[in-house]
């Protein structure tokens, strides 16, 4: 058998092995400037007409 399929050592759990094989996360921000801009545009496009209708403008 290859080393990849051999039994784990006594001190190593399957969870630890899976964690080590997992791809490492990059230091990317959760939201980018484009995400905030898209959110602001969607907010204006949805809430703007609602506000105008509510105030009778």
C-alpha atoms as a PDB file:
ATOM      1  CA  UNK A   1       0.000   0.000   0.000  1.00  0.00           C
ATOM      2  CA  UNK A   2       1.056   3.538  -0.543  1.00  0.00           C
ATOM      3  CA  UNK A   3       1.717   5.797   2.371  1.00  0.00           C
ATOM      4  CA  UNK A   4      -1.423   7.819   1.627  1.00  0.00           C
ATOM      5  CA  UNK A   5      -3.729   4.870   2.380  1.00  0.00           C
ATOM      6  CA  UNK A   6      -1.943   3.427   5.387  1.00  0.00           C
ATOM      7  CA  UNK A   7      -3.517   3.640   8.825  1.00  0.00           C
ATOM      8  CA  UNK A   8      -3.038   6.823  10.764  1.00  0.00           C
ATOM      9  CA  UNK A   9      -0.608   6.926  13.633  1.00  0.00           C
ATOM     10  CA  UNK A  10      -2.044   6.465  17.089  1.00  0.00           C
ATOM     11  CA  UNK A  11      -1.799  10.149  18.075  1.00  0.00           C
ATOM     12  CA  UNK A  12      -3.274  11.559  14.866  1.00  0.00           C
ATOM     13  CA  UNK A  13      -7.024  11.751  14.455  1.00  0.00           C
ATOM     14  CA  UNK A  14      -8.862  11.677  11.148  1.00  0.00           C
ATOM     15  CA  UNK A  15     -10.063  15.215  11.838  1.00  0.00           C
ATOM     16  CA  UNK A  16      -6.506  16.511  12.214  1.00  0.00           C
ATOM     17  CA  UNK A  17      -5.474  14.769   9.025  1.00  0.00           C
ATOM     18  CA  UNK A  18      -8.395  16.293   7.112  1.00  0.00           C
ATOM     19  CA  UNK A  19      -7.564  19.713   8.512  1.00  0.00           C
ATOM     20  CA  UNK A  20      -3.983  19.421   7.324  1.00  0.00           C
ATOM     21  CA  UNK A  21      -5.046  18.381   3.812  1.00  0.00           C
ATOM     22  CA  UNK A  22      -7.527  21.229   3.486  1.00  0.00           C
ATOM     23  CA  UNK A  23      -6.460  24.104   1.262  1.00  0.00           C
ATOM     24  CA  UNK A  24      -5.191  27.062   3.212  1.00  0.00           C
ATOM     25  CA  UNK A  25      -7.245  30.203   3.157  1.00  0.00           C
ATOM     26  CA  UNK A  26      -5.814  33.263   1.566  1.00  0.00           C
ATOM     27  CA  UNK A  27      -5.892  36.585   3.340  1.00  0.00           C
ATOM     28  CA  UNK A  28      -8.628  37.973   1.111  1.00  0.00           C
ATOM     29  CA  UNK A  29     -11.171  40.415   2.537  1.00  0.00           C
ATOM     30  CA  UNK A  30     -14.694  39.119   3.009  1.00  0.00           C
ATOM     31  CA  UNK A  31     -16.189  42.104   1.164  1.00  0.00           C
ATOM     32  CA  UNK A  32     -14.463  44.116  -1.538  1.00  0.00           C
ATOM     33  CA  UNK A  33     -15.086  47.695  -2.620  1.00  0.00           C
ATOM     34  CA  UNK A  34     -17.101  46.371  -5.574  1.00  0.00           C
ATOM     35  CA  UNK A  35     -19.353  44.442  -3.202  1.00  0.00           C
ATOM     36  CA  UNK A  36     -20.102  47.595  -1.213  1.00  0.00           C
ATOM     37  CA  UNK A  37     -20.750  49.578  -4.400  1.00  0.00           C
ATOM     38  CA  UNK A  38     -23.151  46.936  -5.718  1.00  0.00           C
ATOM     39  CA  UNK A  39     -24.959  46.856  -2.367  1.00  0.00           C
ATOM     40  CA  UNK A  40     -25.304  50.658  -2.360  1.00  0.00           C
ATOM     41  CA  UNK A  41     -26.676  50.710  -5.924  1.00  0.00           C
ATOM     42  CA  UNK A  42     -29.183  47.953  -5.138  1.00  0.00           C
ATOM     43  CA  UNK A  43     -30.225  49.756  -1.958  1.00  0.00           C
ATOM     44  CA  UNK A  44     -30.871  53.008  -3.822  1.00  0.00           C
ATOM     45  CA  UNK A  45     -32.734  51.248  -6.642  1.00  0.00           C
ATOM     46  CA  UNK A  46     -35.034  49.421  -4.216  1.00  0.00           C
ATOM     47  CA  UNK A  47     -35.502  51.966  -1.431  1.00  0.00           C
ATOM     48  CA  UNK A  48     -35.562  55.085  -3.583  1.00  0.00           C
ATOM     49  CA  UNK A  49     -38.866  54.364  -5.352  1.00  0.00           C
ATOM     50  CA  UNK A  50     -40.372  53.103  -2.105  1.00  0.00           C
ATOM     51  CA  UNK A  51     -39.471  56.348  -0.344  1.00  0.00           C
ATOM     52  CA  UNK A  52     -40.812  58.479  -3.187  1.00  0.00           C
ATOM     53  CA  UNK A  53     -44.072  56.531  -3.147  1.00  0.00           C
ATOM     54  CA  UNK A  54     -44.404  56.751   0.616  1.00  0.00           C
ATOM     55  CA  UNK A  55     -43.925  60.516   0.651  1.00  0.00           C
ATOM     56  CA  UNK A  56     -46.043  61.093  -2.469  1.00  0.00           C
ATOM     57  CA  UNK A  57     -43.208  62.672  -4.430  1.00  0.00           C
END
